[in-house]
Amino acid sequence: MHTTERLPLKRLAWLLVPLLLISACTSTPPRPEKTAMPPPAFTIPSVSEALVEAARAQLGTPYAWGGQHPAEGFDCSGLVNWVYGQYGLALPRTTQDLINEGQAVADKQPQAGDLVFFNIIQRNRPSLHVGIATGDGSFIHSPRPGSTVREDMLLNPYWHQRLIDVRRVH
């Protein structure tokens, strides 16, 4: 009797195996986990970075008293006005008026695009000078007649001891 009892189990197994295989073929495969899209191959610069790049593009442009365009040259506030104007940001024309714009940066630690102000002596009297901070310890400015737009280090002793204000206007 043992052999007759096992025979139906074998038949049942032979019937179930094909059914299991067929059901495995018709089931939906597992869905892959959703992953985040990779970042784009390019980055869009911030307004601050764009301001610095616009200023850097003017390196070597001659100083011109009252100048406010690359074709004629720049004085310090003319450079600032031209650079900010490229991004639709209207600022006062003179350094004396610029120093009252925006918000003061309390720790005088400028970020890219901040305005840095210096008290310098020009023609034997105190004068204000302005430049655009790069965010990496330097600033871009148009220093004086006979020179060109250039980039200088804020920690240079000449500039460091004359730094009087940092303003965020963007």
C-alpha atoms as a PDB file:
ATOM      1  CA  MET A   1       0.000   0.000   0.000  1.00  0.00           C
ATOM      2  CA  HIS A   2       2.839   2.316   0.435  1.00  0.00           C
ATOM      3  CA  THR A   3       3.455   2.424  -3.307  1.00  0.00           C
ATOM      4  CA  THR A   4      -0.134   3.319  -4.077  1.00  0.00           C
ATOM      5  CA  GLU A   5      -0.143   6.135  -1.560  1.00  0.00           C
ATOM      6  CA  ARG A   6       2.984   7.693  -3.041  1.00  0.00           C
ATOM      7  CA  LEU A   7       1.806   7.526  -6.611  1.00  0.00           C
ATOM      8  CA  PRO A   8      -0.856  10.224  -6.227  1.00  0.00           C
ATOM      9  CA  LEU A   9       1.673  12.498  -4.520  1.00  0.00           C
ATOM     10  CA  LYS A  10       4.109  12.104  -7.400  1.00  0.00           C
ATOM     11  CA  ARG A  11       1.356  12.899  -9.890  1.00  0.00           C
ATOM     12  CA  LEU A  12       0.351  15.911  -7.862  1.00  0.00           C
ATOM     13  CA  ALA A  13       3.973  17.136  -7.774  1.00  0.00           C
ATOM     14  CA  TRP A  14       4.304  16.717 -11.556  1.00  0.00           C
ATOM     15  CA  LEU A  15       1.165  18.786 -12.007  1.00  0.00           C
ATOM     16  CA  LEU A  16       2.147  21.512  -9.540  1.00  0.00           C
ATOM     17  CA  VAL A  17       5.694  22.131 -10.847  1.00  0.00           C
ATOM     18  CA  PRO A  18       4.571  23.254 -14.352  1.00  0.00           C
ATOM     19  CA  LEU A  19       1.848  25.405 -12.794  1.00  0.00           C
ATOM     20  CA  LEU A  20       4.366  27.109 -10.526  1.00  0.00           C
ATOM     21  CA  LEU A  21       6.723  27.738 -13.442  1.00  0.00           C
ATOM     22  CA  ILE A  22       3.928  29.197 -15.552  1.00  0.00           C
ATOM     23  CA  SER A  23       2.792  31.470 -12.742  1.00  0.00           C
ATOM     24  CA  ALA A  24       6.374  32.691 -12.224  1.00  0.00           C
ATOM     25  CA  CYS A  25       6.593  33.633 -15.908  1.00  0.00           C
ATOM     26  CA  THR A  26       3.398  35.655 -15.815  1.00  0.00           C
ATOM     27  CA  SER A  27       4.066  37.575 -12.627  1.00  0.00           C
ATOM     28  CA  THR A  28       5.302  41.159 -12.905  1.00  0.00           C
ATOM     29  CA  PRO A  29       9.012  41.585 -12.335  1.00  0.00           C
ATOM     30  CA  PRO A  30      10.079  43.630  -9.322  1.00  0.00           C
ATOM     31  CA  ARG A  31      10.356  47.328 -10.091  1.00  0.00           C
ATOM     32  CA  PRO A  32      13.752  48.916  -9.691  1.00  0.00           C
ATOM     33  CA  GLU A  33      14.078  51.428  -6.893  1.00  0.00           C
ATOM     34  CA  LYS A  34      13.699  55.031  -7.921  1.00  0.00           C
ATOM     35  CA  THR A  35      16.966  56.881  -7.779  1.00  0.00           C
ATOM     36  CA  ALA A  36      17.595  60.587  -7.800  1.00  0.00           C
ATOM     37  CA  MET A  37      18.436  62.153 -11.134  1.00  0.00           C
ATOM     38  CA  PRO A  38      22.111  62.963 -11.482  1.00  0.00           C
ATOM     39  CA  PRO A  39      22.934  66.667 -11.266  1.00  0.00           C
ATOM     40  CA  PRO A  40      23.172  68.522 -14.567  1.00  0.00           C
ATOM     41  CA  ALA A  41      26.572  68.660 -16.215  1.00  0.00           C
ATOM     42  CA  PHE A  42      26.583  72.445 -15.832  1.00  0.00           C
ATOM     43  CA  THR A  43      25.813  74.770 -12.957  1.00  0.00           C
ATOM     44  CA  ILE A  44      23.972  78.040 -13.079  1.00  0.00           C
ATOM     45  CA  PRO A  45      26.052  80.754 -11.425  1.00  0.00           C
ATOM     46  CA  SER A  46      24.532  82.738  -8.604  1.00  0.00           C
ATOM     47  CA  VAL A  47      24.066  86.469  -9.020  1.00  0.00           C
ATOM     48  CA  SER A  48      27.097  86.972  -6.761  1.00  0.00           C
ATOM     49  CA  GLU A  49      29.303  84.755  -8.942  1.00  0.00           C
ATOM     50  CA  ALA A  50      27.990  86.431 -12.089  1.00  0.00           C
ATOM     51  CA  LEU A  51      28.840  89.875 -10.666  1.00  0.00           C
ATOM     52  CA  VAL A  52      32.396  88.762  -9.941  1.00  0.00           C
ATOM     53  CA  GLU A  53      32.785  87.264 -13.422  1.00  0.00           C
ATOM     54  CA  ALA A  54      31.501  90.474 -15.028  1.00  0.00           C
ATOM     55  CA  ALA A  55      34.049  92.451 -12.989  1.00  0.00           C
ATOM     56  CA  ARG A  56      36.853  90.017 -13.887  1.00  0.00           C
ATOM     57  CA  ALA A  57      35.997  90.420 -17.548  1.00  0.00           C
ATOM     58  CA  GLN A  58      37.036  94.083 -17.175  1.00  0.00           C
ATOM     59  CA  LEU A  59      40.516  93.360 -15.796  1.00  0.00           C
ATOM     60  CA  GLY A  60      42.964  95.478 -17.758  1.00  0.00           C
ATOM     61  CA  THR A  61      40.426  98.166 -18.731  1.00  0.00           C
ATOM     62  CA  PRO A  62      42.057 101.594 -18.260  1.00  0.00           C
ATOM     63  CA  TYR A  63      41.169 103.917 -15.407  1.00  0.00           C
ATOM     64  CA  ALA A  64      39.198 106.973 -16.507  1.00  0.00           C
ATOM     65  CA  TRP A  65      37.991 109.605 -14.060  1.00  0.00           C
ATOM     66  CA  GLY A  66      34.184 109.603 -14.264  1.00  0.00           C
ATOM     67  CA  GLY A  67      34.334 106.585 -16.593  1.00  0.00           C
ATOM     68  CA  GLN A  68      31.475 104.128 -16.452  1.00  0.00           C
ATOM     69  CA  HIS A  69      31.767 101.959 -19.568  1.00  0.00           C
ATOM     70  CA  PRO A  70      34.426  99.550 -20.903  1.00  0.00           C
ATOM     71  CA  ALA A  71      34.887 101.622 -24.071  1.00  0.00           C
ATOM     72  CA  GLU A  72      35.832 104.753 -22.113  1.00  0.00           C
ATOM     73  CA  GLY A  73      37.368 103.169 -19.011  1.00  0.00           C
ATOM     74  CA  PHE A  74      36.253 103.163 -15.396  1.00  0.00           C
ATOM     75  CA  ASP A  75      36.781 104.965 -12.162  1.00  0.00           C
ATOM     76  CA  CYS A  76      36.094 102.877  -9.046  1.00  0.00           C
ATOM     77  CA  SER A  77      32.380 103.631  -8.679  1.00  0.00           C
ATOM     78  CA  GLY A  78      31.868 103.558 -12.457  1.00  0.00           C
ATOM     79  CA  LEU A  79      33.125  99.963 -12.517  1.00  0.00           C
ATOM     80  CA  VAL A  80      30.740  99.017  -9.699  1.00  0.00           C
ATOM     81  CA  ASN A  81      27.820 100.709 -11.463  1.00  0.00           C
ATOM     82  CA  TRP A  82      28.569  99.073 -14.801  1.00  0.00           C
ATOM     83  CA  VAL A  83      28.976  95.576 -13.319  1.00  0.00           C
ATOM     84  CA  TYR A  84      25.789  95.748 -11.242  1.00  0.00           C
ATOM     85  CA  GLY A  85      23.937  97.368 -14.145  1.00  0.00           C
ATOM     86  CA  GLN A  86      24.650  94.309 -16.301  1.00  0.00           C
ATOM     87  CA  TYR A  87      22.248  92.439 -14.012  1.00  0.00           C
ATOM     88  CA  GLY A  88      19.621  95.150 -13.749  1.00  0.00           C
ATOM     89  CA  LEU A  89      20.783  96.392 -10.359  1.00  0.00           C
ATOM     90  CA  ALA A  90      20.771 100.191 -10.243  1.00  0.00           C
ATOM     91  CA  LEU A  91      23.080 101.784  -7.694  1.00  0.00           C
ATOM     92  CA  PRO A  92      24.037 105.379  -6.901  1.00  0.00           C
ATOM     93  CA  ARG A  93      26.880 106.727  -9.038  1.00  0.00           C
ATOM     94  CA  THR A  94      29.321 108.020  -6.430  1.00  0.00           C
ATOM     95  CA  THR A  95      31.276 106.154  -3.784  1.00  0.00           C
ATOM     96  CA  GLN A  96      29.971 108.589  -1.160  1.00  0.00           C
ATOM     97  CA  ASP A  97      26.420 107.479  -1.985  1.00  0.00           C
ATOM     98  CA  LEU A  98      27.276 103.797  -2.494  1.00  0.00           C
ATOM     99  CA  ILE A  99      28.569 103.452   1.063  1.00  0.00           C
ATOM    100  CA  ASN A 100      25.010 104.007   2.327  1.00  0.00           C
ATOM    101  CA  GLU A 101      23.448 101.283   0.146  1.00  0.00           C
ATOM    102  CA  GLY A 102      22.453  97.775   1.197  1.00  0.00           C
ATOM    103  CA  GLN A 103      23.324  96.198   4.500  1.00  0.00           C
ATOM    104  CA  ALA A 104      26.586  96.469   6.396  1.00  0.00           C
ATOM    105  CA  VAL A 105      28.412  93.173   6.862  1.00  0.00           C
ATOM    106  CA  ALA A 106      29.088  93.226  10.598  1.00  0.00           C
ATOM    107  CA  ASP A 107      32.270  91.129  10.660  1.00  0.00           C
ATOM    108  CA  LYS A 108      33.722  92.752   7.512  1.00  0.00           C
ATOM    109  CA  GLN A 109      34.058  89.293   5.979  1.00  0.00           C
ATOM    110  CA  PRO A 110      32.966  89.948   2.387  1.00  0.00           C
ATOM    111  CA  GLN A 111      31.311  87.403   0.165  1.00  0.00           C
ATOM    112  CA  ALA A 112      31.354  87.375  -3.625  1.00  0.00           C
ATOM    113  CA  GLY A 113      29.706  90.492  -5.013  1.00  0.00           C
ATOM    114  CA  ASP A 114      29.860  92.533  -1.795  1.00  0.00           C
ATOM    115  CA  LEU A 115      31.142  96.085  -2.032  1.00  0.00           C
ATOM    116  CA  VAL A 116      34.317  96.849  -0.086  1.00  0.00           C
ATOM    117  CA  PHE A 117      35.103 100.440   0.900  1.00  0.00           C
ATOM    118  CA  PHE A 118      38.447 101.971   1.766  1.00  0.00           C
ATOM    119  CA  ASN A 119      39.540 105.288   3.196  1.00  0.00           C
ATOM    120  CA  ILE A 120      42.527 106.376   1.127  1.00  0.00           C
ATOM    121  CA  ILE A 121      44.461 109.604   0.737  1.00  0.00           C
ATOM    122  CA  GLN A 122      44.103 111.149  -2.689  1.00  0.00           C
ATOM    123  CA  ARG A 123      45.567 114.549  -3.558  1.00  0.00           C
ATOM    124  CA  ASN A 124      46.514 115.012   0.115  1.00  0.00           C
ATOM    125  CA  ARG A 125      42.985 114.567   1.416  1.00  0.00           C
ATOM    126  CA  PRO A 126      40.882 111.604   2.622  1.00  0.00           C
ATOM    127  CA  SER A 127      38.896 109.943  -0.109  1.00  0.00           C
ATOM    128  CA  LEU A 128      36.650 106.899  -0.411  1.00  0.00           C
ATOM    129  CA  HIS A 129      37.446 104.032  -2.740  1.00  0.00           C
ATOM    130  CA  VAL A 130      35.206 101.049  -3.653  1.00  0.00           C
ATOM    131  CA  GLY A 131      35.714  97.621  -5.174  1.00  0.00           C
ATOM    132  CA  ILE A 132      33.839  94.348  -5.639  1.00  0.00           C
ATOM    133  CA  ALA A 133      34.769  91.417  -3.387  1.00  0.00           C
ATOM    134  CA  THR A 134      35.426  88.116  -5.150  1.00  0.00           C
ATOM    135  CA  GLY A 135      34.631  85.912  -2.150  1.00  0.00           C
ATOM    136  CA  ASP A 136      38.089  84.337  -2.122  1.00  0.00           C
ATOM    137  CA  GLY A 137      40.016  87.043  -0.297  1.00  0.00           C
ATOM    138  CA  SER A 138      40.486  89.460  -3.149  1.00  0.00           C
ATOM    139  CA  PHE A 139      38.600  92.345  -4.709  1.00  0.00           C
ATOM    140  CA  ILE A 140      38.365  93.919  -8.156  1.00  0.00           C
ATOM    141  CA  HIS A 141      38.658  97.671  -8.564  1.00  0.00           C
ATOM    142  CA  SER A 142      39.814 100.525 -10.752  1.00  0.00           C
ATOM    143  CA  PRO A 143      42.412 102.158  -8.512  1.00  0.00           C
ATOM    144  CA  ARG A 144      43.775 105.408  -9.970  1.00  0.00           C
ATOM    145  CA  PRO A 145      44.751 107.385 -13.068  1.00  0.00           C
ATOM    146  CA  GLY A 146      47.444 105.656 -15.104  1.00  0.00           C
ATOM    147  CA  SER A 147      46.393 102.167 -13.972  1.00  0.00           C
ATOM    148  CA  THR A 148      43.845  99.584 -15.065  1.00  0.00           C
ATOM    149  CA  VAL A 149      41.089  97.518 -13.467  1.00  0.00           C
ATOM    150  CA  ARG A 150      42.855  94.909 -11.378  1.00  0.00           C
ATOM    151  CA  GLU A 151      42.404  92.321  -8.653  1.00  0.00           C
ATOM    152  CA  ASP A 152      44.142  92.817  -5.298  1.00  0.00           C
ATOM    153  CA  MET A 153      44.197  90.849  -2.057  1.00  0.00           C
ATOM    154  CA  LEU A 154      42.172  92.242   0.838  1.00  0.00           C
ATOM    155  CA  LEU A 155      44.890  91.072   3.238  1.00  0.00           C
ATOM    156  CA  ASN A 156      47.502  93.177   1.462  1.00  0.00           C
ATOM    157  CA  PRO A 157      48.584  95.497   4.311  1.00  0.00           C
ATOM    158  CA  TYR A 158      47.846  98.648   2.285  1.00  0.00           C
ATOM    159  CA  TRP A 159      44.225  97.650   1.656  1.00  0.00           C
ATOM    160  CA  HIS A 160      43.630  95.775   4.896  1.00  0.00           C
ATOM    161  CA  GLN A 161      44.451  98.749   7.127  1.00  0.00           C
ATOM    162  CA  ARG A 162      42.264 101.059   5.013  1.00  0.00           C
ATOM    163  CA  LEU A 163      39.172  98.839   4.821  1.00  0.00           C
ATOM    164  CA  ILE A 164      36.338 100.753   6.500  1.00  0.00           C
ATOM    165  CA  ASP A 165      33.133  99.031   5.385  1.00  0.00           C
ATOM    166  CA  VAL A 166      31.658  96.037   3.579  1.00  0.00           C
ATOM    167  CA  ARG A 167      28.155  96.354   2.131  1.00  0.00           C
ATOM    168  CA  ARG A 168      25.866  93.696   0.693  1.00  0.00           C
ATOM    169  CA  VAL A 169      23.689  95.227  -2.004  1.00  0.00           C
ATOM    170  CA  HIS A 170      22.705  92.177  -4.108  1.00  0.00           C
END
